Amino acid sequence: MPRCFIAIGSNLDQPLDQVNNAVSELAVLPDCSLISVSRWYQTVAIGPGIQPDYINGVAELNSTQSPMALLRLLQSIENQHHRQRLQRWGPRTLDLDMLIYGSSIVDDPDLTIPHPRMLERNFVLYPLMDIAPDLLLHNGLKVSELIKSCPSTGLHLVQNETSNTMPPTQ
């Protein structure tokens, strides 16, 4: 089964509850197995206007769903959380972005894999480091190597007993 990495974020309507609930929903997706979940990070919003801070993390799944089918399942979860797509990079109840789907490269108007901006975002790389430090990325570097040149500016670890509810498995 391909290893899939999903970025999880929320900055509206109880963001920590949103991301924890999303993990529970990822765990029961058909033809998928939830492998691990990073710690949660509070981050400053990137986008238009003044927005609340985000809660961000990354989940690892194994999936036999096709990339497009998995995207539809992720969007269904977002919709259940009342995600509204009113403004690019605007505030949202839940954002689930497919970062990596095995070794697949997808260039579709609805989906680009690997995620085109994941290497620029500390709120993606630090959670990815939590669960897959030896993951070889599409630029030929491991997460553990790339993180050395990625500042942690604006990241704050969320201390919560419900975060990291899914321990990494080997």
C-alpha atoms as a PDB file:
ATOM      1  CA  MET A   1       0.000   0.000   0.000  1.00  0.00           C
ATOM      2  CA  PRO A   2       1.319   3.472  -0.815  1.00  0.00           C
ATOM      3  CA  ARG A   3       2.354   5.681   2.096  1.00  0.00           C
ATOM      4  CA  CYS A   4       0.286   8.853   2.025  1.00  0.00           C
ATOM      5  CA  PHE A   5       0.900  11.974   4.067  1.00  0.00           C
ATOM      6  CA  ILE A   6      -1.966  14.352   4.757  1.00  0.00           C
ATOM      7  CA  ALA A   7      -1.532  17.866   6.163  1.00  0.00           C
ATOM      8  CA  ILE A   8      -4.286  18.750   8.635  1.00  0.00           C
ATOM      9  CA  GLY A   9      -5.156  22.307   9.612  1.00  0.00           C
ATOM     10  CA  SER A  10      -7.921  24.400  11.150  1.00  0.00           C
ATOM     11  CA  ASN A  11      -8.324  27.946  12.415  1.00  0.00           C
ATOM     12  CA  LEU A  12     -12.113  28.209  12.932  1.00  0.00           C
ATOM     13  CA  ASP A  13     -14.731  26.726  15.264  1.00  0.00           C
ATOM     14  CA  GLN A  14     -12.562  25.105  17.932  1.00  0.00           C
ATOM     15  CA  PRO A  15      -9.553  24.219  15.754  1.00  0.00           C
ATOM     16  CA  LEU A  16      -8.084  21.639  18.135  1.00  0.00           C
ATOM     17  CA  ASP A  17     -11.392  19.775  18.208  1.00  0.00           C
ATOM     18  CA  GLN A  18     -11.631  20.025  14.409  1.00  0.00           C
ATOM     19  CA  VAL A  19      -8.211  18.438  13.821  1.00  0.00           C
ATOM     20  CA  ASN A  20      -8.683  15.739  16.453  1.00  0.00           C
ATOM     21  CA  ASN A  21     -12.068  14.833  14.958  1.00  0.00           C
ATOM     22  CA  ALA A  22     -10.519  14.766  11.485  1.00  0.00           C
ATOM     23  CA  VAL A  23      -7.948  12.216  12.675  1.00  0.00           C
ATOM     24  CA  SER A  24     -10.773  10.011  13.941  1.00  0.00           C
ATOM     25  CA  GLU A  25     -12.440  10.276  10.543  1.00  0.00           C
ATOM     26  CA  LEU A  26      -9.199   9.510   8.678  1.00  0.00           C
ATOM     27  CA  ALA A  27      -8.868   6.373  10.809  1.00  0.00           C
ATOM     28  CA  VAL A  28     -12.060   4.886   9.347  1.00  0.00           C
ATOM     29  CA  LEU A  29     -11.648   5.763   5.671  1.00  0.00           C
ATOM     30  CA  PRO A  30     -12.307   2.770   3.410  1.00  0.00           C
ATOM     31  CA  ASP A  31      -9.229   0.998   2.058  1.00  0.00           C
ATOM     32  CA  CYS A  32      -6.973   3.116   4.278  1.00  0.00           C
ATOM     33  CA  SER A  33      -5.043   2.513   7.477  1.00  0.00           C
ATOM     34  CA  LEU A  34      -4.024   5.349   9.764  1.00  0.00           C
ATOM     35  CA  ILE A  35      -0.377   4.755  10.661  1.00  0.00           C
ATOM     36  CA  SER A  36       0.661   7.795  12.680  1.00  0.00           C
ATOM     37  CA  VAL A  37      -0.170  11.378  13.558  1.00  0.00           C
ATOM     38  CA  SER A  38       2.243  14.169  14.395  1.00  0.00           C
ATOM     39  CA  ARG A  39       2.021  16.461  17.353  1.00  0.00           C
ATOM     40  CA  TRP A  40      -0.138  19.560  16.870  1.00  0.00           C
ATOM     41  CA  TYR A  41       1.458  22.927  16.208  1.00  0.00           C
ATOM     42  CA  GLN A  42      -0.100  26.356  16.598  1.00  0.00           C
ATOM     43  CA  THR A  43       0.956  28.590  13.721  1.00  0.00           C
ATOM     44  CA  VAL A  44       0.302  32.076  12.483  1.00  0.00           C
ATOM     45  CA  ALA A  45      -2.131  32.128   9.564  1.00  0.00           C
ATOM     46  CA  ILE A  46      -0.773  32.670   6.071  1.00  0.00           C
ATOM     47  CA  GLY A  47      -3.310  34.380   3.915  1.00  0.00           C
ATOM     48  CA  PRO A  48      -5.425  37.434   3.411  1.00  0.00           C
ATOM     49  CA  GLY A  49      -6.542  39.705   6.232  1.00  0.00           C
ATOM     50  CA  ILE A  50      -6.312  39.079   9.929  1.00  0.00           C
ATOM     51  CA  GLN A  51      -7.088  35.455  10.758  1.00  0.00           C
ATOM     52  CA  PRO A  52      -6.949  33.342  13.903  1.00  0.00           C
ATOM     53  CA  ASP A  53      -3.914  31.107  14.372  1.00  0.00           C
ATOM     54  CA  TYR A  54      -4.014  27.614  12.927  1.00  0.00           C
ATOM     55  CA  ILE A  55      -3.613  24.233  14.517  1.00  0.00           C
ATOM     56  CA  ASN A  56      -1.557  22.101  12.096  1.00  0.00           C
ATOM     57  CA  GLY A  57      -0.271  18.556  11.939  1.00  0.00           C
ATOM     58  CA  VAL A  58       0.342  15.681   9.550  1.00  0.00           C
ATOM     59  CA  ALA A  59      -1.110  12.176   9.390  1.00  0.00           C
ATOM     60  CA  GLU A  60       0.352   9.146   7.653  1.00  0.00           C
ATOM     61  CA  LEU A  61      -2.000   6.702   5.950  1.00  0.00           C
ATOM     62  CA  ASN A  62      -1.545   3.596   3.890  1.00  0.00           C
ATOM     63  CA  SER A  63      -4.163   3.525   1.162  1.00  0.00           C
ATOM     64  CA  THR A  64      -5.239   1.481  -1.805  1.00  0.00           C
ATOM     65  CA  GLN A  65      -7.561   4.278  -2.912  1.00  0.00           C
ATOM     66  CA  SER A  66      -6.354   6.062  -6.032  1.00  0.00           C
ATOM     67  CA  PRO A  67      -5.003   9.578  -5.418  1.00  0.00           C
ATOM     68  CA  MET A  68      -8.162  11.133  -6.923  1.00  0.00           C
ATOM     69  CA  ALA A  69     -10.462   8.858  -4.913  1.00  0.00           C
ATOM     70  CA  LEU A  70      -8.547   9.688  -1.726  1.00  0.00           C
ATOM     71  CA  LEU A  71      -8.835  13.400  -2.567  1.00  0.00           C
ATOM     72  CA  ARG A  72     -12.622  13.018  -2.839  1.00  0.00           C
ATOM     73  CA  LEU A  73     -12.717  11.286   0.559  1.00  0.00           C
ATOM     74  CA  LEU A  74     -10.632  14.074   2.122  1.00  0.00           C
ATOM     75  CA  GLN A  75     -12.901  16.716   0.616  1.00  0.00           C
ATOM     76  CA  SER A  76     -15.909  14.844   1.982  1.00  0.00           C
ATOM     77  CA  ILE A  77     -14.422  15.047   5.484  1.00  0.00           C
ATOM     78  CA  GLU A  78     -13.770  18.771   4.977  1.00  0.00           C
ATOM     79  CA  ASN A  79     -17.386  19.240   3.883  1.00  0.00           C
ATOM     80  CA  GLN A  80     -18.648  17.402   6.978  1.00  0.00           C
ATOM     81  CA  HIS A  81     -16.736  20.032   8.968  1.00  0.00           C
ATOM     82  CA  HIS A  82     -18.564  22.774   7.035  1.00  0.00           C
ATOM     83  CA  ARG A  83     -15.510  23.819   5.054  1.00  0.00           C
ATOM     84  CA  GLN A  84     -16.278  26.814   2.858  1.00  0.00           C
ATOM     85  CA  ARG A  85     -14.043  27.732  -0.065  1.00  0.00           C
ATOM     86  CA  LEU A  86     -14.758  31.452  -0.251  1.00  0.00           C
ATOM     87  CA  GLN A  87     -11.228  32.831  -0.496  1.00  0.00           C
ATOM     88  CA  ARG A  88      -7.878  31.285  -1.359  1.00  0.00           C
ATOM     89  CA  TRP A  89      -5.875  30.789   1.839  1.00  0.00           C
ATOM     90  CA  GLY A  90      -8.791  32.176   3.809  1.00  0.00           C
ATOM     91  CA  PRO A  91      -9.846  30.923   7.236  1.00  0.00           C
ATOM     92  CA  ARG A  92     -11.313  27.433   7.385  1.00  0.00           C
ATOM     93  CA  THR A  93     -12.829  24.918   9.734  1.00  0.00           C
ATOM     94  CA  LEU A  94     -10.724  22.116   8.256  1.00  0.00           C
ATOM     95  CA  ASP A  95      -8.086  21.785   5.578  1.00  0.00           C
ATOM     96  CA  LEU A  96      -6.819  18.362   4.493  1.00  0.00           C
ATOM     97  CA  ASP A  97      -4.039  18.541   1.905  1.00  0.00           C
ATOM     98  CA  MET A  98      -2.527  15.463   0.326  1.00  0.00           C
ATOM     99  CA  LEU A  99       1.223  16.037   0.494  1.00  0.00           C
ATOM    100  CA  ILE A 100       2.572  12.736  -0.796  1.00  0.00           C
ATOM    101  CA  TYR A 101       0.982   9.625  -2.242  1.00  0.00           C
ATOM    102  CA  GLY A 102       3.682   6.956  -2.383  1.00  0.00           C
ATOM    103  CA  SER A 103       6.009   7.742  -5.263  1.00  0.00           C
ATOM    104  CA  SER A 104       3.163   9.083  -7.409  1.00  0.00           C
ATOM    105  CA  ILE A 105       3.435  12.314  -9.326  1.00  0.00           C
ATOM    106  CA  VAL A 106       0.083  13.866 -10.148  1.00  0.00           C
ATOM    107  CA  ASP A 107      -0.398  17.066 -12.130  1.00  0.00           C
ATOM    108  CA  ASP A 108      -4.131  17.616 -12.365  1.00  0.00           C
ATOM    109  CA  PRO A 109      -6.112  20.862 -12.024  1.00  0.00           C
ATOM    110  CA  ASP A 110      -7.652  19.421  -8.841  1.00  0.00           C
ATOM    111  CA  LEU A 111      -4.580  17.731  -7.353  1.00  0.00           C
ATOM    112  CA  THR A 112      -0.829  18.180  -7.493  1.00  0.00           C
ATOM    113  CA  ILE A 113       1.382  15.571  -5.834  1.00  0.00           C
ATOM    114  CA  PRO A 114       3.840  16.083  -4.319  1.00  0.00           C
ATOM    115  CA  HIS A 115       2.192  19.158  -2.831  1.00  0.00           C
ATOM    116  CA  PRO A 116       3.802  22.120  -4.611  1.00  0.00           C
ATOM    117  CA  ARG A 117       4.442  24.250  -1.499  1.00  0.00           C
ATOM    118  CA  MET A 118       5.137  21.643   1.165  1.00  0.00           C
ATOM    119  CA  LEU A 119       8.903  22.248   1.171  1.00  0.00           C
ATOM    120  CA  GLU A 120       8.333  25.946   1.927  1.00  0.00           C
ATOM    121  CA  ARG A 121       6.096  25.465   4.942  1.00  0.00           C
ATOM    122  CA  ASN A 122       7.473  24.887   8.399  1.00  0.00           C
ATOM    123  CA  PHE A 123       3.956  23.998   9.597  1.00  0.00           C
ATOM    124  CA  VAL A 124       4.168  20.999   7.254  1.00  0.00           C
ATOM    125  CA  LEU A 125       7.826  20.043   7.642  1.00  0.00           C
ATOM    126  CA  TYR A 126       7.985  20.043  11.446  1.00  0.00           C
ATOM    127  CA  PRO A 127       4.946  17.757  11.857  1.00  0.00           C
ATOM    128  CA  LEU A 128       6.301  15.570   9.049  1.00  0.00           C
ATOM    129  CA  MET A 129       9.598  15.372  10.958  1.00  0.00           C
ATOM    130  CA  ASP A 130       7.658  14.049  13.984  1.00  0.00           C
ATOM    131  CA  ILE A 131       6.405  10.990  12.122  1.00  0.00           C
ATOM    132  CA  ALA A 132       8.724  10.420   9.145  1.00  0.00           C
ATOM    133  CA  PRO A 133      12.193  11.929   9.639  1.00  0.00           C
ATOM    134  CA  ASP A 134      13.777   9.481   7.186  1.00  0.00           C
ATOM    135  CA  LEU A 135      11.191  10.036   4.454  1.00  0.00           C
ATOM    136  CA  LEU A 136      12.957  10.775   1.166  1.00  0.00           C
ATOM    137  CA  LEU A 137      11.248  13.729  -0.475  1.00  0.00           C
ATOM    138  CA  HIS A 138      10.907  14.499  -4.166  1.00  0.00           C
ATOM    139  CA  ASN A 139      13.846  16.940  -3.990  1.00  0.00           C
ATOM    140  CA  GLY A 140      16.157  14.064  -3.035  1.00  0.00           C
ATOM    141  CA  LEU A 141      16.500  15.107   0.620  1.00  0.00           C
ATOM    142  CA  LYS A 142      15.209  13.402   3.725  1.00  0.00           C
ATOM    143  CA  VAL A 143      12.889  15.380   5.978  1.00  0.00           C
ATOM    144  CA  SER A 144      15.587  15.265   8.683  1.00  0.00           C
ATOM    145  CA  GLU A 145      18.036  16.968   6.303  1.00  0.00           C
ATOM    146  CA  LEU A 146      15.610  19.560   4.999  1.00  0.00           C
ATOM    147  CA  ILE A 147      14.458  20.577   8.463  1.00  0.00           C
ATOM    148  CA  LYS A 148      17.970  21.853   9.281  1.00  0.00           C
ATOM    149  CA  SER A 149      17.429  24.840   6.991  1.00  0.00           C
ATOM    150  CA  CYS A 150      13.785  25.386   7.928  1.00  0.00           C
ATOM    151  CA  PRO A 151      13.279  27.931  10.719  1.00  0.00           C
ATOM    152  CA  SER A 152      10.679  27.155  13.347  1.00  0.00           C
ATOM    153  CA  THR A 153       9.599  30.803  13.475  1.00  0.00           C
ATOM    154  CA  GLY A 154       5.931  31.116  14.402  1.00  0.00           C
ATOM    155  CA  LEU A 155       5.515  27.467  15.426  1.00  0.00           C
ATOM    156  CA  HIS A 156       4.370  26.597  18.931  1.00  0.00           C
ATOM    157  CA  LEU A 157       3.811  23.052  20.090  1.00  0.00           C
ATOM    158  CA  VAL A 158       0.298  22.504  21.414  1.00  0.00           C
ATOM    159  CA  GLN A 159       0.298  20.733  24.753  1.00  0.00           C
ATOM    160  CA  ASN A 160      -2.960  18.814  24.913  1.00  0.00           C
ATOM    161  CA  GLU A 161      -3.796  15.381  26.212  1.00  0.00           C
ATOM    162  CA  THR A 162      -5.823  14.597  23.082  1.00  0.00           C
ATOM    163  CA  SER A 163      -3.103  15.532  20.624  1.00  0.00           C
ATOM    164  CA  ASN A 164      -0.986  12.783  19.139  1.00  0.00           C
ATOM    165  CA  THR A 165      -3.778  10.316  19.824  1.00  0.00           C
ATOM    166  CA  MET A 166      -2.401   7.834  17.320  1.00  0.00           C
ATOM    167  CA  PRO A 167       1.039   6.559  18.323  1.00  0.00           C
ATOM    168  CA  PRO A 168       3.466   5.792  15.506  1.00  0.00           C
ATOM    169  CA  THR A 169       3.668   2.102  14.656  1.00  0.00           C
ATOM    170  CA  GLN A 170       6.474   0.214  13.032  1.00  0.00           C
END
